[in-house]
All heavy atoms as atom14 arrays in JSON, in Angstrom:
{
  "sequence": "AVAAFDVALAASRRLGLRDAEGRLLLNCAVALRQGGQFDRALQLSRQG",
  "atom14_mask": [
    [1, 1, 1, 1, 1, 0, 0, 0, 0, 0, 0, 0, 0, 0],
    [1, 1, 1, 1, 1, 1, 1, 0, 0, 0, 0, 0, 0, 0],
    [1, 1, 1, 1, 1, 0, 0, 0, 0, 0, 0, 0, 0, 0],
    [1, 1, 1, 1, 1, 0, 0, 0, 0, 0, 0, 0, 0, 0],
    [1, 1, 1, 1, 1, 1, 1, 1, 1, 1, 1, 0, 0, 0],
    [1, 1, 1, 1, 1, 1, 1, 1, 0, 0, 0, 0, 0, 0],
    [1, 1, 1, 1, 1, 1, 1, 0, 0, 0, 0, 0, 0, 0],
    [1, 1, 1, 1, 1, 0, 0, 0, 0, 0, 0, 0, 0, 0],
    [1, 1, 1, 1, 1, 1, 1, 1, 0, 0, 0, 0, 0, 0],
    [1, 1, 1, 1, 1, 0, 0, 0, 0, 0, 0, 0, 0, 0],
    [1, 1, 1, 1, 1, 0, 0, 0, 0, 0, 0, 0, 0, 0],
    [1, 1, 1, 1, 1, 1, 0, 0, 0, 0, 0, 0, 0, 0],
    [1, 1, 1, 1, 1, 1, 1, 1, 1, 1, 1, 0, 0, 0],
    [1, 1, 1, 1, 1, 1, 1, 1, 1, 1, 1, 0, 0, 0],
    [1, 1, 1, 1, 1, 1, 1, 1, 0, 0, 0, 0, 0, 0],
    [1, 1, 1, 1, 0, 0, 0, 0, 0, 0, 0, 0, 0, 0],
    [1, 1, 1, 1, 1, 1, 1, 1, 0, 0, 0, 0, 0, 0],
    [1, 1, 1, 1, 1, 1, 1, 1, 1, 1, 1, 0, 0, 0],
    [1, 1, 1, 1, 1, 1, 1, 1, 0, 0, 0, 0, 0, 0],
    [1, 1, 1, 1, 1, 0, 0, 0, 0, 0, 0, 0, 0, 0],
    [1, 1, 1, 1, 1, 1, 1, 1, 1, 0, 0, 0, 0, 0],
    [1, 1, 1, 1, 0, 0, 0, 0, 0, 0, 0, 0, 0, 0],
    [1, 1, 1, 1, 1, 1, 1, 1, 1, 1, 1, 0, 0, 0],
    [1, 1, 1, 1, 1, 1, 1, 1, 0, 0, 0, 0, 0, 0],
    [1, 1, 1, 1, 1, 1, 1, 1, 0, 0, 0, 0, 0, 0],
    [1, 1, 1, 1, 1, 1, 1, 1, 0, 0, 0, 0, 0, 0],
    [1, 1, 1, 1, 1, 1, 1, 1, 0, 0, 0, 0, 0, 0],
    [1, 1, 1, 1, 1, 1, 0, 0, 0, 0, 0, 0, 0, 0],
    [1, 1, 1, 1, 1, 0, 0, 0, 0, 0, 0, 0, 0, 0],
    [1, 1, 1, 1, 1, 1, 1, 0, 0, 0, 0, 0, 0, 0],
    [1, 1, 1, 1, 1, 0, 0, 0, 0, 0, 0, 0, 0, 0],
    [1, 1, 1, 1, 1, 1, 1, 1, 0, 0, 0, 0, 0, 0],
    [1, 1, 1, 1, 1, 1, 1, 1, 1, 1, 1, 0, 0, 0],
    [1, 1, 1, 1, 1, 1, 1, 1, 1, 0, 0, 0, 0, 0],
    [1, 1, 1, 1, 0, 0, 0, 0, 0, 0, 0, 0, 0, 0],
    [1, 1, 1, 1, 0, 0, 0, 0, 0, 0, 0, 0, 0, 0],
    [1, 1, 1, 1, 1, 1, 1, 1, 1, 0, 0, 0, 0, 0],
    [1, 1, 1, 1, 1, 1, 1, 1, 1, 1, 1, 0, 0, 0],
    [1, 1, 1, 1, 1, 1, 1, 1, 0, 0, 0, 0, 0, 0],
    [1, 1, 1, 1, 1, 1, 1, 1, 1, 1, 1, 0, 0, 0],
    [1, 1, 1, 1, 1, 0, 0, 0, 0, 0, 0, 0, 0, 0],
    [1, 1, 1, 1, 1, 1, 1, 1, 0, 0, 0, 0, 0, 0],
    [1, 1, 1, 1, 1, 1, 1, 1, 1, 0, 0, 0, 0, 0],
    [1, 1, 1, 1, 1, 1, 1, 1, 0, 0, 0, 0, 0, 0],
    [1, 1, 1, 1, 1, 1, 0, 0, 0, 0, 0, 0, 0, 0],
    [1, 1, 1, 1, 1, 1, 1, 1, 1, 1, 1, 0, 0, 0],
    [1, 1, 1, 1, 1, 1, 1, 1, 1, 0, 0, 0, 0, 0],
    [1, 1, 1, 1, 0, 0, 0, 0, 0, 0, 0, 0, 0, 0]
  ],
  "atom14_positions": [
    [[2.09, 11.48, 5.47], [1.99, 10.6, 6.63], [2.07, 9.15, 6.2], [2.8, 8.34, 6.81], [0.69, 10.85, 7.38], [0.0, 0.0, 0.0], [0.0, 0.0, 0.0], [0.0, 0.0, 0.0], [0.0, 0.0, 0.0], [0.0, 0.0, 0.0], [0.0, 0.0, 0.0], [0.0, 0.0, 0.0], [0.0, 0.0, 0.0], [0.0, 0.0, 0.0]],
    [[1.34, 8.79, 5.16], [1.36, 7.4, 4.69], [2.75, 7.02, 4.21], [3.23, 5.9, 4.47], [0.31, 7.2, 3.57], [0.44, 5.83, 2.93], [-1.1, 7.38, 4.14], [0.0, 0.0, 0.0], [0.0, 0.0, 0.0], [0.0, 0.0, 0.0], [0.0, 0.0, 0.0], [0.0, 0.0, 0.0], [0.0, 0.0, 0.0], [0.0, 0.0, 0.0]],
    [[3.44, 7.94, 3.56], [4.82, 7.66, 3.11], [5.75, 7.43, 4.31], [6.61, 6.54, 4.27], [5.34, 8.82, 2.26], [0.0, 0.0, 0.0], [0.0, 0.0, 0.0], [0.0, 0.0, 0.0], [0.0, 0.0, 0.0], [0.0, 0.0, 0.0], [0.0, 0.0, 0.0], [0.0, 0.0, 0.0], [0.0, 0.0, 0.0], [0.0, 0.0, 0.0]],
    [[5.57, 8.21, 5.38], [6.38, 8.01, 6.58], [6.08, 6.66, 7.22], [7.0, 5.95, 7.66], [6.12, 9.14, 7.58], [0.0, 0.0, 0.0], [0.0, 0.0, 0.0], [0.0, 0.0, 0.0], [0.0, 0.0, 0.0], [0.0, 0.0, 0.0], [0.0, 0.0, 0.0], [0.0, 0.0, 0.0], [0.0, 0.0, 0.0], [0.0, 0.0, 0.0]],
    [[4.81, 6.29, 7.28], [4.46, 4.98, 7.83], [5.04, 3.84, 6.98], [5.43, 2.8, 7.5], [2.95, 4.84, 7.96], [2.38, 5.53, 9.16], [1.44, 6.54, 9.02], [2.77, 5.17, 10.44], [0.91, 7.19, 10.13], [2.26, 5.81, 11.56], [1.33, 6.82, 11.4], [0.0, 0.0, 0.0], [0.0, 0.0, 0.0], [0.0, 0.0, 0.0]],
    [[5.08, 4.05, 5.67], [5.67, 3.02, 4.8], [7.13, 2.76, 5.16], [7.59, 1.61, 5.19], [5.56, 3.44, 3.33], [4.16, 3.26, 2.77], [3.36, 2.54, 3.4], [3.87, 3.85, 1.71], [0.0, 0.0, 0.0], [0.0, 0.0, 0.0], [0.0, 0.0, 0.0], [0.0, 0.0, 0.0], [0.0, 0.0, 0.0], [0.0, 0.0, 0.0]],
    [[7.88, 3.84, 5.46], [9.28, 3.69, 5.86], [9.37, 2.93, 7.18], [10.17, 2.0, 7.34], [9.95, 5.08, 6.0], [11.36, 4.94, 6.59], [10.0, 5.78, 4.65], [0.0, 0.0, 0.0], [0.0, 0.0, 0.0], [0.0, 0.0, 0.0], [0.0, 0.0, 0.0], [0.0, 0.0, 0.0], [0.0, 0.0, 0.0], [0.0, 0.0, 0.0]],
    [[8.53, 3.3, 8.14], [8.54, 2.64, 9.45], [8.13, 1.19, 9.33], [8.71, 0.29, 9.97], [7.62, 3.39, 10.41], [0.0, 0.0, 0.0], [0.0, 0.0, 0.0], [0.0, 0.0, 0.0], [0.0, 0.0, 0.0], [0.0, 0.0, 0.0], [0.0, 0.0, 0.0], [0.0, 0.0, 0.0], [0.0, 0.0, 0.0], [0.0, 0.0, 0.0]],
    [[7.11, 0.9, 8.52], [6.65, -0.47, 8.36], [7.71, -1.35, 7.7], [7.9, -2.51, 8.11], [5.36, -0.49, 7.52], [4.09, -0.08, 8.27], [2.98, 0.3, 7.29], [3.65, -1.21, 9.18], [0.0, 0.0, 0.0], [0.0, 0.0, 0.0], [0.0, 0.0, 0.0], [0.0, 0.0, 0.0], [0.0, 0.0, 0.0], [0.0, 0.0, 0.0]],
    [[8.39, -0.8, 6.72], [9.46, -1.59, 6.08], [10.53, -1.95, 7.1], [11.05, -3.08, 7.1], [10.06, -0.79, 4.92], [0.0, 0.0, 0.0], [0.0, 0.0, 0.0], [0.0, 0.0, 0.0], [0.0, 0.0, 0.0], [0.0, 0.0, 0.0], [0.0, 0.0, 0.0], [0.0, 0.0, 0.0], [0.0, 0.0, 0.0], [0.0, 0.0, 0.0]],
    [[10.86, -1.01, 7.98], [11.87, -1.29, 9.01], [11.37, -2.36, 9.98], [12.12, -3.26, 10.37], [12.21, -0.01, 9.76], [0.0, 0.0, 0.0], [0.0, 0.0, 0.0], [0.0, 0.0, 0.0], [0.0, 0.0, 0.0], [0.0, 0.0, 0.0], [0.0, 0.0, 0.0], [0.0, 0.0, 0.0], [0.0, 0.0, 0.0], [0.0, 0.0, 0.0]],
    [[10.1, -2.26, 10.4], [9.57, -3.25, 11.34], [9.6, -4.65, 10.75], [9.86, -5.64, 11.46], [8.14, -2.87, 11.75], [7.23, -3.08, 10.7], [0.0, 0.0, 0.0], [0.0, 0.0, 0.0], [0.0, 0.0, 0.0], [0.0, 0.0, 0.0], [0.0, 0.0, 0.0], [0.0, 0.0, 0.0], [0.0, 0.0, 0.0], [0.0, 0.0, 0.0]],
    [[9.37, -4.76, 9.45], [9.38, -6.08, 8.8], [10.8, -6.61, 8.66], [11.04, -7.8, 8.84], [8.69, -5.97, 7.43], [7.19, -5.77, 7.57], [6.53, -5.25, 6.32], [5.11, -4.97, 6.55], [4.39, -4.08, 5.86], [4.97, -3.37, 4.88], [3.12, -3.88, 6.14], [0.0, 0.0, 0.0], [0.0, 0.0, 0.0], [0.0, 0.0, 0.0]],
    [[11.75, -5.72, 8.37], [13.15, -6.19, 8.32], [13.61, -6.66, 9.69], [14.39, -7.62, 9.79], [14.05, -5.06, 7.82], [13.94, -4.79, 6.32], [15.06, -3.89, 5.82], [14.99, -2.56, 6.42], [14.31, -1.53, 5.9], [13.62, -1.69, 4.78], [14.32, -0.35, 6.49], [0.0, 0.0, 0.0], [0.0, 0.0, 0.0], [0.0, 0.0, 0.0]],
    [[13.12, -6.0, 10.73], [13.52, -6.36, 12.09], [12.74, -7.55, 12.63], [13.1, -8.12, 13.66], [13.32, -5.16, 13.02], [14.24, -3.97, 12.78], [13.69, -2.72, 13.47], [15.65, -4.28, 13.29], [0.0, 0.0, 0.0], [0.0, 0.0, 0.0], [0.0, 0.0, 0.0], [0.0, 0.0, 0.0], [0.0, 0.0, 0.0], [0.0, 0.0, 0.0]],
    [[11.65, -7.91, 11.94], [10.83, -9.01, 12.41], [10.04, -8.69, 13.66], [9.71, -9.6, 14.43], [0.0, 0.0, 0.0], [0.0, 0.0, 0.0], [0.0, 0.0, 0.0], [0.0, 0.0, 0.0], [0.0, 0.0, 0.0], [0.0, 0.0, 0.0], [0.0, 0.0, 0.0], [0.0, 0.0, 0.0], [0.0, 0.0, 0.0], [0.0, 0.0, 0.0]],
    [[9.69, -7.41, 13.86], [8.97, -6.98, 15.08], [7.47, -6.96, 14.79], [6.91, -5.97, 14.3], [9.46, -5.61, 15.52], [10.92, -5.55, 15.98], [11.34, -4.13, 16.29], [11.15, -6.45, 17.18], [0.0, 0.0, 0.0], [0.0, 0.0, 0.0], [0.0, 0.0, 0.0], [0.0, 0.0, 0.0], [0.0, 0.0, 0.0], [0.0, 0.0, 0.0]],
    [[6.82, -8.06, 15.1], [5.4, -8.24, 14.79], [4.53, -7.21, 15.5], [3.63, -6.61, 14.89], [4.99, -9.66, 15.18], [3.55, -10.02, 14.9], [3.24, -11.44, 15.38], [1.84, -11.75, 15.21], [1.32, -12.25, 14.1], [2.1, -12.49, 13.06], [0.03, -12.53, 14.01], [0.0, 0.0, 0.0], [0.0, 0.0, 0.0], [0.0, 0.0, 0.0]],
    [[4.76, -6.99, 16.79], [3.93, -6.06, 17.55], [4.11, -4.63, 17.03], [3.14, -3.89, 16.9], [4.28, -6.13, 19.03], [3.34, -5.28, 19.88], [2.13, -5.53, 19.83], [3.82, -4.37, 20.57], [0.0, 0.0, 0.0], [0.0, 0.0, 0.0], [0.0, 0.0, 0.0], [0.0, 0.0, 0.0], [0.0, 0.0, 0.0], [0.0, 0.0, 0.0]],
    [[5.34, -4.24, 16.72], [5.59, -2.9, 16.2], [4.91, -2.71, 14.84], [4.32, -1.65, 14.57], [7.09, -2.66, 16.08], [0.0, 0.0, 0.0], [0.0, 0.0, 0.0], [0.0, 0.0, 0.0], [0.0, 0.0, 0.0], [0.0, 0.0, 0.0], [0.0, 0.0, 0.0], [0.0, 0.0, 0.0], [0.0, 0.0, 0.0], [0.0, 0.0, 0.0]],
    [[4.98, -3.73, 14.0], [4.31, -3.64, 12.71], [2.8, -3.47, 12.88], [2.17, -2.65, 12.2], [4.6, -4.88, 11.87], [3.99, -4.81, 10.48], [4.29, -6.04, 9.63], [5.1, -6.89, 10.06], [3.71, -6.15, 8.54], [0.0, 0.0, 0.0], [0.0, 0.0, 0.0], [0.0, 0.0, 0.0], [0.0, 0.0, 0.0], [0.0, 0.0, 0.0]],
    [[2.22, -4.22, 13.82], [0.8, -4.09, 14.07], [0.42, -2.7, 14.53], [-0.57, -2.12, 14.07], [0.0, 0.0, 0.0], [0.0, 0.0, 0.0], [0.0, 0.0, 0.0], [0.0, 0.0, 0.0], [0.0, 0.0, 0.0], [0.0, 0.0, 0.0], [0.0, 0.0, 0.0], [0.0, 0.0, 0.0], [0.0, 0.0, 0.0], [0.0, 0.0, 0.0]],
    [[1.21, -2.15, 15.45], [0.9, -0.8, 15.95], [1.05, 0.24, 14.83], [0.24, 1.18, 14.75], [1.84, -0.48, 17.12], [1.61, 0.88, 17.77], [0.2, 1.04, 18.3], [-0.12, 0.1, 19.34], [0.13, 0.28, 20.64], [0.71, 1.39, 21.04], [-0.22, -0.63, 21.52], [0.0, 0.0, 0.0], [0.0, 0.0, 0.0], [0.0, 0.0, 0.0]],
    [[2.04, 0.09, 13.99], [2.22, 1.04, 12.89], [1.06, 0.96, 11.9], [0.6, 1.99, 11.39], [3.55, 0.76, 12.18], [4.8, 1.18, 12.95], [6.04, 0.53, 12.35], [4.94, 2.7, 12.94], [0.0, 0.0, 0.0], [0.0, 0.0, 0.0], [0.0, 0.0, 0.0], [0.0, 0.0, 0.0], [0.0, 0.0, 0.0], [0.0, 0.0, 0.0]],
    [[0.58, -0.24, 11.63], [-0.57, -0.38, 10.74], [-1.8, 0.32, 11.33], [-2.55, 1.0, 10.62], [-0.88, -1.86, 10.5], [0.08, -2.59, 9.56], [-0.14, -4.1, 9.65], [-0.09, -2.12, 8.12], [0.0, 0.0, 0.0], [0.0, 0.0, 0.0], [0.0, 0.0, 0.0], [0.0, 0.0, 0.0], [0.0, 0.0, 0.0], [0.0, 0.0, 0.0]],
    [[-1.98, 0.17, 12.64], [-3.11, 0.83, 13.3], [-2.97, 2.35, 13.24], [-3.95, 3.07, 13.0], [-3.21, 0.35, 14.74], [-3.78, -1.06, 14.92], [-3.31, -1.66, 16.24], [-5.29, -1.05, 14.84], [0.0, 0.0, 0.0], [0.0, 0.0, 0.0], [0.0, 0.0, 0.0], [0.0, 0.0, 0.0], [0.0, 0.0, 0.0], [0.0, 0.0, 0.0]],
    [[-1.76, 2.85, 13.46], [-1.55, 4.29, 13.41], [-1.7, 4.84, 11.99], [-2.19, 5.96, 11.79], [-0.18, 4.65, 13.98], [-0.14, 4.5, 15.49], [-1.17, 4.51, 16.15], [1.05, 4.36, 16.04], [0.0, 0.0, 0.0], [0.0, 0.0, 0.0], [0.0, 0.0, 0.0], [0.0, 0.0, 0.0], [0.0, 0.0, 0.0], [0.0, 0.0, 0.0]],
    [[-1.28, 4.05, 11.01], [-1.49, 4.47, 9.62], [-2.98, 4.49, 9.3], [-3.47, 5.38, 8.58], [-0.76, 3.52, 8.68], [-0.77, 4.07, 6.95], [0.0, 0.0, 0.0], [0.0, 0.0, 0.0], [0.0, 0.0, 0.0], [0.0, 0.0, 0.0], [0.0, 0.0, 0.0], [0.0, 0.0, 0.0], [0.0, 0.0, 0.0], [0.0, 0.0, 0.0]],
    [[-3.72, 3.54, 9.87], [-5.18, 3.53, 9.69], [-5.79, 4.81, 10.24], [-6.73, 5.37, 9.64], [-5.78, 2.3, 10.38], [0.0, 0.0, 0.0], [0.0, 0.0, 0.0], [0.0, 0.0, 0.0], [0.0, 0.0, 0.0], [0.0, 0.0, 0.0], [0.0, 0.0, 0.0], [0.0, 0.0, 0.0], [0.0, 0.0, 0.0], [0.0, 0.0, 0.0]],
    [[-5.28, 5.29, 11.37], [-5.79, 6.54, 11.95], [-5.56, 7.7, 10.97], [-6.44, 8.54, 10.75], [-5.11, 6.83, 13.29], [-5.47, 8.22, 13.8], [-5.52, 5.77, 14.33], [0.0, 0.0, 0.0], [0.0, 0.0, 0.0], [0.0, 0.0, 0.0], [0.0, 0.0, 0.0], [0.0, 0.0, 0.0], [0.0, 0.0, 0.0], [0.0, 0.0, 0.0]],
    [[-4.38, 7.74, 10.35], [-4.1, 8.8, 9.38], [-5.04, 8.72, 8.19], [-5.53, 9.74, 7.69], [-2.64, 8.73, 8.93], [0.0, 0.0, 0.0], [0.0, 0.0, 0.0], [0.0, 0.0, 0.0], [0.0, 0.0, 0.0], [0.0, 0.0, 0.0], [0.0, 0.0, 0.0], [0.0, 0.0, 0.0], [0.0, 0.0, 0.0], [0.0, 0.0, 0.0]],
    [[-5.3, 7.51, 7.72], [-6.18, 7.35, 6.56], [-7.62, 7.78, 6.88], [-8.28, 8.42, 6.06], [-6.18, 5.89, 6.1], [-4.89, 5.43, 5.41], [-4.91, 3.92, 5.22], [-4.72, 6.12, 4.06], [0.0, 0.0, 0.0], [0.0, 0.0, 0.0], [0.0, 0.0, 0.0], [0.0, 0.0, 0.0], [0.0, 0.0, 0.0], [0.0, 0.0, 0.0]],
    [[-8.1, 7.45, 8.07], [-9.46, 7.86, 8.42], [-9.53, 9.38, 8.58], [-10.58, 9.98, 8.31], [-9.96, 7.14, 9.68], [-9.33, 7.54, 10.97], [-9.93, 6.79, 12.16], [-11.32, 7.11, 12.35], [-11.75, 8.21, 12.95], [-10.88, 9.11, 13.39], [-13.04, 8.44, 13.1], [0.0, 0.0, 0.0], [0.0, 0.0, 0.0], [0.0, 0.0, 0.0]],
    [[-8.43, 10.01, 9.01], [-8.42, 11.47, 9.07], [-8.59, 12.07, 7.68], [-9.13, 13.17, 7.54], [-7.12, 11.96, 9.71], [-7.06, 11.7, 11.21], [-5.67, 11.82, 11.78], [-4.67, 11.89, 11.04], [-5.57, 11.84, 13.1], [0.0, 0.0, 0.0], [0.0, 0.0, 0.0], [0.0, 0.0, 0.0], [0.0, 0.0, 0.0], [0.0, 0.0, 0.0]],
    [[-8.16, 11.33, 6.66], [-8.34, 11.78, 5.28], [-9.64, 11.31, 4.66], [-9.87, 11.56, 3.47], [0.0, 0.0, 0.0], [0.0, 0.0, 0.0], [0.0, 0.0, 0.0], [0.0, 0.0, 0.0], [0.0, 0.0, 0.0], [0.0, 0.0, 0.0], [0.0, 0.0, 0.0], [0.0, 0.0, 0.0], [0.0, 0.0, 0.0], [0.0, 0.0, 0.0]],
    [[-10.46, 10.61, 5.43], [-11.76, 10.16, 4.92], [-11.74, 8.82, 4.23], [-12.76, 8.39, 3.67], [0.0, 0.0, 0.0], [0.0, 0.0, 0.0], [0.0, 0.0, 0.0], [0.0, 0.0, 0.0], [0.0, 0.0, 0.0], [0.0, 0.0, 0.0], [0.0, 0.0, 0.0], [0.0, 0.0, 0.0], [0.0, 0.0, 0.0], [0.0, 0.0, 0.0]],
    [[-10.6, 8.1, 4.26], [-10.52, 6.79, 3.62], [-10.87, 5.7, 4.63], [-10.03, 4.91, 5.06], [-9.12, 6.58, 3.04], [-8.76, 7.6, 1.97], [-7.38, 7.36, 1.39], [-7.1, 6.27, 0.89], [-6.52, 8.36, 1.46], [0.0, 0.0, 0.0], [0.0, 0.0, 0.0], [0.0, 0.0, 0.0], [0.0, 0.0, 0.0], [0.0, 0.0, 0.0]],
    [[-12.14, 5.64, 5.01], [-12.56, 4.8, 6.12], [-12.46, 3.31, 5.82], [-12.1, 2.52, 6.69], [-13.98, 5.18, 6.54], [-14.07, 6.52, 7.2], [-14.41, 7.65, 6.47], [-13.79, 6.67, 8.55], [-14.48, 8.89, 7.06], [-13.85, 7.91, 9.15], [-14.2, 9.02, 8.41], [0.0, 0.0, 0.0], [0.0, 0.0, 0.0], [0.0, 0.0, 0.0]],
    [[-12.8, 2.91, 4.62], [-12.75, 1.48, 4.3], [-11.3, 0.98, 4.23], [-10.99, -0.12, 4.7], [-13.47, 1.2, 2.98], [-14.98, 1.41, 3.11], [-15.49, 1.35, 4.25], [-15.63, 1.65, 2.08], [0.0, 0.0, 0.0], [0.0, 0.0, 0.0], [0.0, 0.0, 0.0], [0.0, 0.0, 0.0], [0.0, 0.0, 0.0], [0.0, 0.0, 0.0]],
    [[-10.43, 1.78, 3.66], [-9.02, 1.4, 3.63], [-8.45, 1.38, 5.04], [-7.64, 0.51, 5.39], [-8.24, 2.38, 2.75], [-6.8, 1.96, 2.49], [-6.11, 2.92, 1.55], [-4.68, 2.68, 1.52], [-3.79, 3.58, 1.15], [-4.18, 4.79, 0.77], [-2.5, 3.31, 1.15], [0.0, 0.0, 0.0], [0.0, 0.0, 0.0], [0.0, 0.0, 0.0]],
    [[-8.86, 2.34, 5.87], [-8.42, 2.37, 7.27], [-8.85, 1.1, 7.99], [-8.08, 0.52, 8.78], [-8.98, 3.6, 7.97], [0.0, 0.0, 0.0], [0.0, 0.0, 0.0], [0.0, 0.0, 0.0], [0.0, 0.0, 0.0], [0.0, 0.0, 0.0], [0.0, 0.0, 0.0], [0.0, 0.0, 0.0], [0.0, 0.0, 0.0], [0.0, 0.0, 0.0]],
    [[-10.06, 0.65, 7.73], [-10.56, -0.56, 8.38], [-9.71, -1.77, 8.0], [-9.38, -2.6, 8.85], [-12.02, -0.79, 8.0], [-12.67, -2.07, 8.52], [-12.57, -2.18, 10.03], [-14.13, -2.15, 8.06], [0.0, 0.0, 0.0], [0.0, 0.0, 0.0], [0.0, 0.0, 0.0], [0.0, 0.0, 0.0], [0.0, 0.0, 0.0], [0.0, 0.0, 0.0]],
    [[-9.34, -1.87, 6.75], [-8.49, -2.99, 6.32], [-7.17, -3.0, 7.09], [-6.72, -4.05, 7.58], [-8.21, -2.9, 4.81], [-9.43, -3.12, 3.94], [-9.12, -2.88, 2.46], [-8.02, -2.46, 2.1], [-10.1, -3.11, 1.6], [0.0, 0.0, 0.0], [0.0, 0.0, 0.0], [0.0, 0.0, 0.0], [0.0, 0.0, 0.0], [0.0, 0.0, 0.0]],
    [[-6.55, -1.83, 7.22], [-5.27, -1.76, 7.92], [-5.42, -2.02, 9.4], [-4.57, -2.68, 10.02], [-4.61, -0.39, 7.7], [-4.03, -0.1, 6.33], [-3.11, 1.12, 6.41], [-3.25, -1.26, 5.76], [0.0, 0.0, 0.0], [0.0, 0.0, 0.0], [0.0, 0.0, 0.0], [0.0, 0.0, 0.0], [0.0, 0.0, 0.0], [0.0, 0.0, 0.0]],
    [[-6.48, -1.49, 10.02], [-6.63, -1.69, 11.45], [-6.92, -3.16, 11.77], [-6.48, -3.67, 12.8], [-7.71, -0.77, 12.04], [-8.94, -0.95, 11.41], [0.0, 0.0, 0.0], [0.0, 0.0, 0.0], [0.0, 0.0, 0.0], [0.0, 0.0, 0.0], [0.0, 0.0, 0.0], [0.0, 0.0, 0.0], [0.0, 0.0, 0.0], [0.0, 0.0, 0.0]],
    [[-7.61, -3.86, 10.89], [-7.81, -5.3, 11.09], [-6.48, -6.04, 11.02], [-6.18, -6.91, 11.84], [-8.78, -5.85, 10.04], [-10.24, -5.54, 10.33], [-11.15, -6.05, 9.24], [-12.56, -5.91, 9.59], [-13.56, -6.05, 8.73], [-13.3, -6.32, 7.45], [-14.81, -5.92, 9.13], [0.0, 0.0, 0.0], [0.0, 0.0, 0.0], [0.0, 0.0, 0.0]],
    [[-5.68, -5.7, 10.03], [-4.36, -6.34, 9.92], [-3.51, -6.02, 11.15], [-2.84, -6.9, 11.7], [-3.64, -5.83, 8.66], [-4.27, -6.25, 7.35], [-3.59, -5.57, 6.17], [-2.41, -5.24, 6.21], [-4.34, -5.32, 5.11], [0.0, 0.0, 0.0], [0.0, 0.0, 0.0], [0.0, 0.0, 0.0], [0.0, 0.0, 0.0], [0.0, 0.0, 0.0]],
    [[-3.55, -4.76, 11.58], [-2.73, -4.34, 12.71], [-3.12, -5.05, 13.99], [-2.25, -5.51, 14.74], [0.0, 0.0, 0.0], [0.0, 0.0, 0.0], [0.0, 0.0, 0.0], [0.0, 0.0, 0.0], [0.0, 0.0, 0.0], [0.0, 0.0, 0.0], [0.0, 0.0, 0.0], [0.0, 0.0, 0.0], [0.0, 0.0, 0.0], [0.0, 0.0, 0.0]]
  ]
}
């Protein structure tokens, strides 16, 4: 899941889509918390 989000995030940055990048970071945070990485998830959700 994180690898898939990395592909999507790279595309959002090339396109310059700030809102899409933020939403992808938040969704990646959800995946990380599902794996128990709560502190890393918090960092991403703040950025998103």
